[in-house]
Amino acid sequence: MKKRIISVLPLVVVISFGCSKSGLPNSARVSGNVTYKGKDGVAKPVTAGTLIFFTKNAGNYPIVIRADGTYSTSDIPLGEIVVTVETESANPKNKPPEYGGGKDDEKKPKFSPRPDSAKGGGKAGAYVKIPQKYADKKTSGLTVTLNAGAQKQDFELTD
């Protein structure tokens, strides 16, 4: 009987961690608004596109921007994060990239389509043109330091 209990105990521990509502230990839950203040000086919601959180050692985390300009995600590693914002994937003038079997396949799309792995889904809104600098992690100028637990982080983009 003791052998059965001892052999089942590790399984119970793993299941209890997997069912935890708090997400991964040492991770952050982040939500907020994405706005763009254009030449008119009025901040308006960015209603479609993708935020990408770039961590130093744990990869990147794409997050969908919802139609109301909000986003939310969980299980993001702690620490300093570089953030990019792209909206060109929502531009109706852009055709989705097509890939075939010829030499022309080496041509890359002019924008990064929203990754299928993006978290925080929801219906996308209308395309909002923002400066291209926000789509590149070297030029976005957006960073955030994440701590354990839930937090709010708004991103106000400007010209």
N, C-alpha and C. Protein backbone atom coordinates (compact mmCIF):
# COMPACT_ATOMS: atom_id res chain seq x y z
N MET A 1 0.82 -1.19 0.00
CA MET A 1 0.00 0.00 0.00
C MET A 1 0.87 1.26 0.00
N LYS A 2 1.95 1.26 0.80
CA LYS A 2 2.83 2.42 0.86
C LYS A 2 3.48 2.68 -0.50
N LYS A 3 3.84 1.64 -1.23
CA LYS A 3 4.46 1.81 -2.55
C LYS A 3 3.49 2.49 -3.51
N ARG A 4 2.21 2.16 -3.43
CA ARG A 4 1.22 2.78 -4.30
C ARG A 4 1.08 4.27 -3.99
N ILE A 5 1.02 4.60 -2.72
CA ILE A 5 0.89 6.01 -2.32
C ILE A 5 2.11 6.79 -2.76
N ILE A 6 3.28 6.24 -2.56
CA ILE A 6 4.52 6.91 -2.93
C ILE A 6 4.60 7.08 -4.45
N SER A 7 4.15 6.10 -5.21
CA SER A 7 4.21 6.22 -6.67
C SER A 7 3.16 7.18 -7.22
N VAL A 8 2.06 7.39 -6.51
CA VAL A 8 1.01 8.30 -6.97
C VAL A 8 1.28 9.74 -6.53
N LEU A 9 2.00 9.94 -5.46
CA LEU A 9 2.24 11.27 -4.91
C LEU A 9 2.86 12.24 -5.92
N PRO A 10 3.90 11.87 -6.68
CA PRO A 10 4.44 12.81 -7.67
C PRO A 10 3.41 13.23 -8.72
N LEU A 11 2.56 12.30 -9.11
CA LEU A 11 1.53 12.61 -10.09
C LEU A 11 0.54 13.64 -9.54
N VAL A 12 0.16 13.51 -8.29
CA VAL A 12 -0.77 14.46 -7.66
C VAL A 12 -0.13 15.84 -7.59
N VAL A 13 1.14 15.92 -7.28
CA VAL A 13 1.84 17.21 -7.21
C VAL A 13 1.86 17.87 -8.58
N VAL A 14 2.19 17.12 -9.62
CA VAL A 14 2.25 17.67 -10.97
C VAL A 14 0.87 18.16 -11.41
N ILE A 15 -0.15 17.39 -11.15
CA ILE A 15 -1.52 17.79 -11.53
C ILE A 15 -1.94 19.03 -10.77
N SER A 16 -1.62 19.13 -9.50
CA SER A 16 -2.05 20.30 -8.73
C SER A 16 -1.37 21.57 -9.24
N PHE A 17 -0.12 21.49 -9.66
CA PHE A 17 0.54 22.67 -10.24
C PHE A 17 -0.06 23.01 -11.59
N GLY A 18 -0.39 22.02 -12.39
CA GLY A 18 -0.97 22.24 -13.70
C GLY A 18 -2.35 22.85 -13.64
N CYS A 19 -3.08 22.64 -12.57
CA CYS A 19 -4.44 23.17 -12.45
C CYS A 19 -4.49 24.49 -11.70
N SER A 20 -3.36 25.02 -11.34
CA SER A 20 -3.31 26.28 -10.59
C SER A 20 -3.86 27.43 -11.42
N LYS A 21 -4.68 28.28 -10.81
CA LYS A 21 -5.25 29.44 -11.50
C LYS A 21 -4.22 30.54 -11.67
N SER A 22 -3.18 30.56 -10.89
CA SER A 22 -2.22 31.65 -10.92
C SER A 22 -1.26 31.56 -12.10
N GLY A 23 -1.33 30.52 -12.89
CA GLY A 23 -0.42 30.39 -14.02
C GLY A 23 0.91 29.83 -13.56
N LEU A 24 1.91 30.04 -14.38
CA LEU A 24 3.23 29.53 -14.06
C LEU A 24 3.84 30.31 -12.90
N PRO A 25 4.59 29.61 -12.04
CA PRO A 25 5.25 30.35 -10.96
C PRO A 25 6.28 31.31 -11.57
N ASN A 26 6.49 32.42 -10.91
CA ASN A 26 7.42 33.43 -11.39
C ASN A 26 7.07 33.94 -12.77
N SER A 27 5.80 34.20 -12.99
CA SER A 27 5.35 34.75 -14.26
C SER A 27 4.40 35.92 -14.01
N ALA A 28 4.17 36.68 -15.05
CA ALA A 28 3.34 37.87 -14.95
C ALA A 28 2.08 37.73 -15.79
N ARG A 29 1.02 38.39 -15.34
CA ARG A 29 -0.20 38.58 -16.12
C ARG A 29 -0.27 40.07 -16.42
N VAL A 30 -0.40 40.42 -17.69
CA VAL A 30 -0.34 41.82 -18.09
C VAL A 30 -1.56 42.15 -18.95
N SER A 31 -2.12 43.32 -18.72
CA SER A 31 -3.21 43.81 -19.57
C SER A 31 -3.07 45.32 -19.67
N GLY A 32 -3.76 45.89 -20.65
CA GLY A 32 -3.71 47.34 -20.79
C GLY A 32 -4.33 47.79 -22.10
N ASN A 33 -4.06 49.03 -22.43
CA ASN A 33 -4.58 49.66 -23.64
C ASN A 33 -3.43 50.06 -24.54
N VAL A 34 -3.70 50.04 -25.84
CA VAL A 34 -2.73 50.52 -26.83
C VAL A 34 -3.42 51.67 -27.56
N THR A 35 -2.80 52.86 -27.48
CA THR A 35 -3.37 54.04 -28.15
C THR A 35 -2.31 54.67 -29.04
N TYR A 36 -2.80 55.45 -29.99
CA TYR A 36 -1.90 56.17 -30.89
C TYR A 36 -2.35 57.62 -30.97
N LYS A 37 -1.42 58.51 -30.67
CA LYS A 37 -1.67 59.95 -30.75
C LYS A 37 -0.97 60.45 -32.00
N GLY A 38 -1.77 60.71 -33.03
CA GLY A 38 -1.24 61.16 -34.30
C GLY A 38 -0.99 62.66 -34.32
N LYS A 39 -0.94 63.21 -35.51
CA LYS A 39 -0.65 64.63 -35.70
C LYS A 39 -1.71 65.53 -35.10
N ASP A 40 -2.94 65.02 -34.97
CA ASP A 40 -4.01 65.83 -34.38
C ASP A 40 -3.89 65.93 -32.86
N GLY A 41 -3.01 65.14 -32.25
CA GLY A 41 -2.77 65.21 -30.82
C GLY A 41 -3.79 64.49 -29.96
N VAL A 42 -4.73 63.77 -30.59
CA VAL A 42 -5.75 63.05 -29.84
C VAL A 42 -5.40 61.57 -29.81
N ALA A 43 -5.34 61.01 -28.61
CA ALA A 43 -5.03 59.59 -28.46
C ALA A 43 -6.27 58.76 -28.79
N LYS A 44 -6.09 57.83 -29.74
CA LYS A 44 -7.19 56.95 -30.16
C LYS A 44 -6.74 55.50 -29.99
N PRO A 45 -7.67 54.60 -29.72
CA PRO A 45 -7.29 53.19 -29.57
C PRO A 45 -6.71 52.61 -30.86
N VAL A 46 -5.69 51.78 -30.70
CA VAL A 46 -5.19 50.97 -31.80
C VAL A 46 -6.06 49.72 -31.75
N THR A 47 -6.84 49.49 -32.79
CA THR A 47 -7.92 48.49 -32.73
C THR A 47 -7.62 47.17 -33.42
N ALA A 48 -6.43 46.99 -33.90
CA ALA A 48 -6.04 45.71 -34.52
C ALA A 48 -4.53 45.66 -34.60
N GLY A 49 -4.01 44.46 -34.65
CA GLY A 49 -2.57 44.29 -34.75
C GLY A 49 -2.06 43.36 -33.66
N THR A 50 -0.76 43.43 -33.44
CA THR A 50 -0.11 42.52 -32.51
C THR A 50 0.96 43.25 -31.70
N LEU A 51 0.96 43.03 -30.40
CA LEU A 51 2.07 43.39 -29.53
C LEU A 51 2.97 42.17 -29.46
N ILE A 52 4.27 42.37 -29.42
CA ILE A 52 5.16 41.24 -29.17
C ILE A 52 6.07 41.62 -28.01
N PHE A 53 6.07 40.78 -26.98
CA PHE A 53 6.95 40.96 -25.82
C PHE A 53 8.19 40.11 -26.08
N PHE A 54 9.36 40.75 -26.13
CA PHE A 54 10.63 40.06 -26.34
C PHE A 54 11.36 39.97 -25.01
N THR A 55 11.61 38.75 -24.54
CA THR A 55 12.36 38.56 -23.30
C THR A 55 13.83 38.37 -23.64
N LYS A 56 14.67 38.50 -22.63
CA LYS A 56 16.11 38.33 -22.87
C LYS A 56 16.47 36.88 -23.16
N ASN A 57 15.87 35.95 -22.42
CA ASN A 57 16.29 34.55 -22.56
C ASN A 57 15.17 33.56 -22.85
N ALA A 58 13.92 34.02 -22.85
CA ALA A 58 12.82 33.07 -22.96
C ALA A 58 11.99 33.23 -24.24
N GLY A 59 12.54 33.86 -25.25
CA GLY A 59 11.83 33.97 -26.52
C GLY A 59 10.92 35.18 -26.60
N ASN A 60 9.94 35.10 -27.49
CA ASN A 60 9.01 36.22 -27.65
C ASN A 60 7.58 35.73 -27.51
N TYR A 61 6.70 36.67 -27.17
CA TYR A 61 5.31 36.36 -26.85
C TYR A 61 4.39 37.31 -27.61
N PRO A 62 3.80 36.86 -28.73
CA PRO A 62 2.86 37.70 -29.47
C PRO A 62 1.51 37.77 -28.78
N ILE A 63 0.90 38.95 -28.79
CA ILE A 63 -0.38 39.18 -28.11
C ILE A 63 -1.29 39.98 -29.04
N VAL A 64 -2.49 39.52 -29.24
CA VAL A 64 -3.45 40.17 -30.11
C VAL A 64 -3.98 41.46 -29.46
N ILE A 65 -4.07 42.51 -30.28
CA ILE A 65 -4.72 43.75 -29.84
C ILE A 65 -6.19 43.62 -30.25
N ARG A 66 -7.08 43.76 -29.29
CA ARG A 66 -8.52 43.60 -29.55
C ARG A 66 -9.11 44.85 -30.19
N ALA A 67 -10.34 44.72 -30.67
CA ALA A 67 -11.04 45.79 -31.38
C ALA A 67 -11.28 47.03 -30.52
N ASP A 68 -11.24 46.89 -29.21
CA ASP A 68 -11.42 48.06 -28.34
C ASP A 68 -10.09 48.68 -27.92
N GLY A 69 -8.99 48.18 -28.47
CA GLY A 69 -7.66 48.72 -28.16
C GLY A 69 -7.02 48.12 -26.93
N THR A 70 -7.60 47.04 -26.39
CA THR A 70 -7.03 46.41 -25.20
C THR A 70 -6.29 45.14 -25.57
N TYR A 71 -5.50 44.67 -24.63
CA TYR A 71 -4.80 43.40 -24.78
C TYR A 71 -4.69 42.77 -23.41
N SER A 72 -4.47 41.49 -23.34
CA SER A 72 -4.17 40.82 -22.08
C SER A 72 -3.46 39.52 -22.39
N THR A 73 -2.61 39.12 -21.47
CA THR A 73 -1.87 37.88 -21.61
C THR A 73 -1.42 37.41 -20.24
N SER A 74 -1.00 36.17 -20.17
CA SER A 74 -0.50 35.63 -18.91
C SER A 74 0.70 34.74 -19.18
N ASP A 75 1.32 34.31 -18.10
CA ASP A 75 2.48 33.42 -18.17
C ASP A 75 3.65 34.01 -18.94
N ILE A 76 3.88 35.31 -18.76
CA ILE A 76 5.03 35.99 -19.36
C ILE A 76 6.17 35.99 -18.33
N PRO A 77 7.38 35.65 -18.75
CA PRO A 77 8.50 35.65 -17.80
C PRO A 77 8.73 37.04 -17.19
N LEU A 78 9.27 37.05 -15.99
CA LEU A 78 9.54 38.29 -15.27
C LEU A 78 10.80 38.96 -15.81
N GLY A 79 10.89 40.26 -15.55
CA GLY A 79 12.08 41.00 -15.92
C GLY A 79 11.80 42.05 -16.96
N GLU A 80 12.89 42.57 -17.54
CA GLU A 80 12.77 43.62 -18.54
C GLU A 80 12.38 43.03 -19.89
N ILE A 81 11.38 43.63 -20.50
CA ILE A 81 10.82 43.16 -21.76
C ILE A 81 10.88 44.30 -22.78
N VAL A 82 11.31 44.00 -23.99
CA VAL A 82 11.22 44.95 -25.10
C VAL A 82 9.91 44.64 -25.82
N VAL A 83 9.16 45.70 -26.17
CA VAL A 83 7.84 45.54 -26.76
C VAL A 83 7.80 46.17 -28.14
N THR A 84 7.17 45.47 -29.08
CA THR A 84 6.90 46.04 -30.40
C THR A 84 5.40 46.02 -30.64
N VAL A 85 4.96 46.89 -31.54
CA VAL A 85 3.56 46.94 -31.94
C VAL A 85 3.52 47.01 -33.45
N GLU A 86 2.74 46.12 -34.07
CA GLU A 86 2.57 46.17 -35.51
C GLU A 86 1.08 46.17 -35.82
N THR A 87 0.70 46.95 -36.84
CA THR A 87 -0.70 46.99 -37.27
C THR A 87 -0.85 46.66 -38.75
N GLU A 88 0.25 46.49 -39.46
CA GLU A 88 0.16 46.24 -40.90
C GLU A 88 -0.54 44.94 -41.24
N SER A 89 -0.56 43.99 -40.32
CA SER A 89 -1.27 42.74 -40.58
C SER A 89 -2.77 42.97 -40.71
N ALA A 90 -3.27 44.11 -40.22
CA ALA A 90 -4.69 44.45 -40.32
C ALA A 90 -4.99 45.38 -41.50
N ASN A 91 -3.95 45.81 -42.21
CA ASN A 91 -4.13 46.73 -43.33
C ASN A 91 -4.83 46.02 -44.48
N PRO A 92 -6.03 46.48 -44.86
CA PRO A 92 -6.76 45.79 -45.93
C PRO A 92 -6.07 45.89 -47.29
N LYS A 93 -5.14 46.82 -47.46
CA LYS A 93 -4.41 46.96 -48.72
C LYS A 93 -3.31 45.91 -48.88
N ASN A 94 -2.90 45.31 -47.77
CA ASN A 94 -1.86 44.29 -47.82
C ASN A 94 -2.49 42.94 -48.11
N LYS A 95 -1.91 42.25 -49.06
CA LYS A 95 -2.34 40.89 -49.34
C LYS A 95 -1.57 39.96 -48.43
N PRO A 96 -2.21 38.88 -47.97
CA PRO A 96 -1.46 37.92 -47.17
C PRO A 96 -0.33 37.34 -48.01
N PRO A 97 0.80 37.01 -47.40
CA PRO A 97 1.91 36.44 -48.16
C PRO A 97 1.51 35.10 -48.76
N GLU A 98 1.99 34.86 -49.97
CA GLU A 98 1.72 33.59 -50.64
C GLU A 98 3.04 32.89 -50.86
N TYR A 99 3.05 31.60 -50.59
CA TYR A 99 4.26 30.82 -50.77
C TYR A 99 3.95 29.67 -51.71
N GLY A 100 4.84 29.42 -52.64
CA GLY A 100 4.64 28.34 -53.61
C GLY A 100 5.88 27.50 -53.72
N GLY A 101 6.17 27.01 -54.94
CA GLY A 101 7.31 26.12 -55.09
C GLY A 101 8.39 26.64 -56.02
N GLY A 102 8.43 27.95 -56.30
CA GLY A 102 9.41 28.46 -57.25
C GLY A 102 10.48 29.30 -56.61
N LYS A 103 11.34 29.88 -57.47
CA LYS A 103 12.44 30.71 -56.99
C LYS A 103 11.96 32.00 -56.35
N ASP A 104 10.78 32.46 -56.74
CA ASP A 104 10.26 33.70 -56.18
C ASP A 104 9.85 33.56 -54.72
N ASP A 105 9.88 32.34 -54.20
CA ASP A 105 9.49 32.11 -52.81
C ASP A 105 10.42 32.80 -51.83
N GLU A 106 11.60 33.16 -52.28
CA GLU A 106 12.55 33.80 -51.39
C GLU A 106 12.15 35.22 -51.06
N LYS A 107 11.20 35.76 -51.79
CA LYS A 107 10.70 37.10 -51.49
C LYS A 107 9.94 37.04 -50.18
N LYS A 108 10.23 37.96 -49.31
CA LYS A 108 9.57 37.98 -48.01
C LYS A 108 8.45 39.00 -48.02
N PRO A 109 7.40 38.80 -47.21
CA PRO A 109 6.33 39.78 -47.16
C PRO A 109 6.83 41.09 -46.58
N LYS A 110 6.17 42.19 -46.93
CA LYS A 110 6.57 43.51 -46.46
C LYS A 110 6.10 43.78 -45.04
N PHE A 111 5.32 42.90 -44.47
CA PHE A 111 4.84 43.05 -43.10
C PHE A 111 4.87 41.69 -42.44
N SER A 112 4.76 41.70 -41.13
CA SER A 112 4.71 40.45 -40.39
C SER A 112 3.26 40.12 -40.11
N PRO A 113 2.71 39.09 -40.72
CA PRO A 113 1.33 38.75 -40.42
C PRO A 113 1.19 38.33 -38.96
N ARG A 114 0.01 38.55 -38.41
CA ARG A 114 -0.21 38.20 -37.01
C ARG A 114 0.05 36.72 -36.81
N PRO A 115 0.94 36.39 -35.87
CA PRO A 115 1.26 34.98 -35.65
C PRO A 115 0.03 34.21 -35.16
N ASP A 116 -0.10 32.98 -35.63
CA ASP A 116 -1.20 32.14 -35.15
C ASP A 116 -1.09 31.87 -33.67
N SER A 117 0.12 32.00 -33.12
CA SER A 117 0.33 31.72 -31.72
C SER A 117 0.01 32.92 -30.82
N ALA A 118 -0.44 34.04 -31.39
CA ALA A 118 -0.73 35.22 -30.59
C ALA A 118 -1.81 34.93 -29.57
N LYS A 119 -1.58 35.38 -28.34
CA LYS A 119 -2.53 35.16 -27.25
C LYS A 119 -3.53 36.30 -27.16
N GLY A 120 -4.58 36.05 -26.40
CA GLY A 120 -5.53 37.11 -26.07
C GLY A 120 -6.49 37.42 -27.18
N GLY A 121 -6.84 36.44 -27.98
CA GLY A 121 -7.71 36.62 -29.13
C GLY A 121 -8.92 37.49 -28.91
N GLY A 122 -9.72 37.55 -29.85
CA GLY A 122 -10.89 38.41 -29.86
C GLY A 122 -11.00 38.99 -31.25
N LYS A 123 -12.11 39.58 -31.53
CA LYS A 123 -12.33 40.13 -32.85
C LYS A 123 -11.46 41.36 -33.06
N ALA A 124 -10.78 41.40 -34.20
CA ALA A 124 -9.92 42.54 -34.52
C ALA A 124 -10.78 43.68 -35.05
N GLY A 125 -10.32 44.88 -34.84
CA GLY A 125 -11.02 46.06 -35.33
C GLY A 125 -10.43 46.57 -36.62
N ALA A 126 -10.62 47.84 -36.86
CA ALA A 126 -10.15 48.48 -38.09
C ALA A 126 -8.65 48.77 -38.01
N TYR A 127 -8.04 48.82 -39.16
CA TYR A 127 -6.62 49.12 -39.29
C TYR A 127 -6.34 50.56 -38.84
N VAL A 128 -5.31 50.72 -38.03
CA VAL A 128 -4.83 52.03 -37.60
C VAL A 128 -3.36 52.10 -38.01
N LYS A 129 -3.02 53.06 -38.86
CA LYS A 129 -1.64 53.21 -39.30
C LYS A 129 -0.84 53.87 -38.19
N ILE A 130 0.27 53.23 -37.82
CA ILE A 130 1.17 53.78 -36.81
C ILE A 130 2.56 53.87 -37.44
N PRO A 131 3.47 54.67 -36.85
CA PRO A 131 4.83 54.74 -37.39
C PRO A 131 5.51 53.37 -37.39
N GLN A 132 6.23 53.08 -38.45
CA GLN A 132 6.90 51.79 -38.64
C GLN A 132 7.91 51.48 -37.53
N LYS A 133 8.45 52.51 -36.89
CA LYS A 133 9.47 52.28 -35.86
C LYS A 133 8.98 51.37 -34.74
N TYR A 134 7.66 51.37 -34.47
CA TYR A 134 7.13 50.55 -33.38
C TYR A 134 7.13 49.06 -33.68
N ALA A 135 7.31 48.67 -34.93
CA ALA A 135 7.30 47.26 -35.30
C ALA A 135 8.67 46.59 -35.17
N ASP A 136 9.71 47.37 -34.90
CA ASP A 136 11.07 46.85 -34.82
C ASP A 136 11.57 46.96 -33.39
N LYS A 137 12.05 45.87 -32.84
CA LYS A 137 12.48 45.89 -31.44
C LYS A 137 13.71 46.78 -31.21
N LYS A 138 14.45 47.09 -32.26
CA LYS A 138 15.60 47.97 -32.12
C LYS A 138 15.20 49.44 -32.08
N THR A 139 14.03 49.77 -32.61
CA THR A 139 13.63 51.17 -32.72
C THR A 139 12.32 51.52 -32.01
N SER A 140 11.64 50.53 -31.44
CA SER A 140 10.32 50.81 -30.85
C SER A 140 10.41 51.75 -29.65
N GLY A 141 11.47 51.61 -28.86
CA GLY A 141 11.60 52.44 -27.67
C GLY A 141 10.65 52.03 -26.55
N LEU A 142 9.95 50.92 -26.71
CA LEU A 142 8.99 50.47 -25.71
C LEU A 142 9.59 49.35 -24.87
N THR A 143 9.62 49.56 -23.57
CA THR A 143 10.08 48.53 -22.65
C THR A 143 9.18 48.53 -21.43
N VAL A 144 9.18 47.41 -20.74
CA VAL A 144 8.44 47.28 -19.50
C VAL A 144 9.17 46.27 -18.62
N THR A 145 9.16 46.50 -17.33
CA THR A 145 9.73 45.53 -16.39
C THR A 145 8.57 44.85 -15.69
N LEU A 146 8.48 43.53 -15.87
CA LEU A 146 7.37 42.78 -15.32
C LEU A 146 7.75 42.14 -14.00
N ASN A 147 6.82 42.21 -13.06
CA ASN A 147 6.94 41.58 -11.75
C ASN A 147 5.91 40.46 -11.67
N ALA A 148 6.05 39.59 -10.68
CA ALA A 148 5.11 38.48 -10.52
C ALA A 148 3.71 39.02 -10.26
N GLY A 149 2.72 38.33 -10.80
CA GLY A 149 1.32 38.68 -10.56
C GLY A 149 0.74 39.54 -11.66
N ALA A 150 -0.47 40.04 -11.38
CA ALA A 150 -1.21 40.85 -12.36
C ALA A 150 -0.74 42.30 -12.33
N GLN A 151 -0.68 42.91 -13.50
CA GLN A 151 -0.31 44.31 -13.61
C GLN A 151 -0.89 44.91 -14.88
N LYS A 152 -1.02 46.23 -14.87
CA LYS A 152 -1.55 46.95 -16.02
C LYS A 152 -0.42 47.76 -16.64
N GLN A 153 -0.35 47.68 -17.98
CA GLN A 153 0.67 48.44 -18.70
C GLN A 153 0.05 48.96 -19.97
N ASP A 154 -0.13 50.28 -20.04
CA ASP A 154 -0.65 50.92 -21.24
C ASP A 154 0.49 51.35 -22.12
N PHE A 155 0.26 51.35 -23.44
CA PHE A 155 1.25 51.81 -24.41
C PHE A 155 0.63 52.92 -25.23
N GLU A 156 1.17 54.14 -25.09
CA GLU A 156 0.70 55.28 -25.88
C GLU A 156 1.75 55.59 -26.93
N LEU A 157 1.39 55.34 -28.18
CA LEU A 157 2.29 55.56 -29.29
C LEU A 157 2.09 56.97 -29.84
N THR A 158 3.18 57.59 -30.31
CA THR A 158 3.12 58.94 -30.87
C THR A 158 3.90 58.99 -32.18
N ASP A 159 3.76 60.06 -32.91
CA ASP A 159 4.53 60.23 -34.15
C ASP A 159 6.00 60.43 -33.85
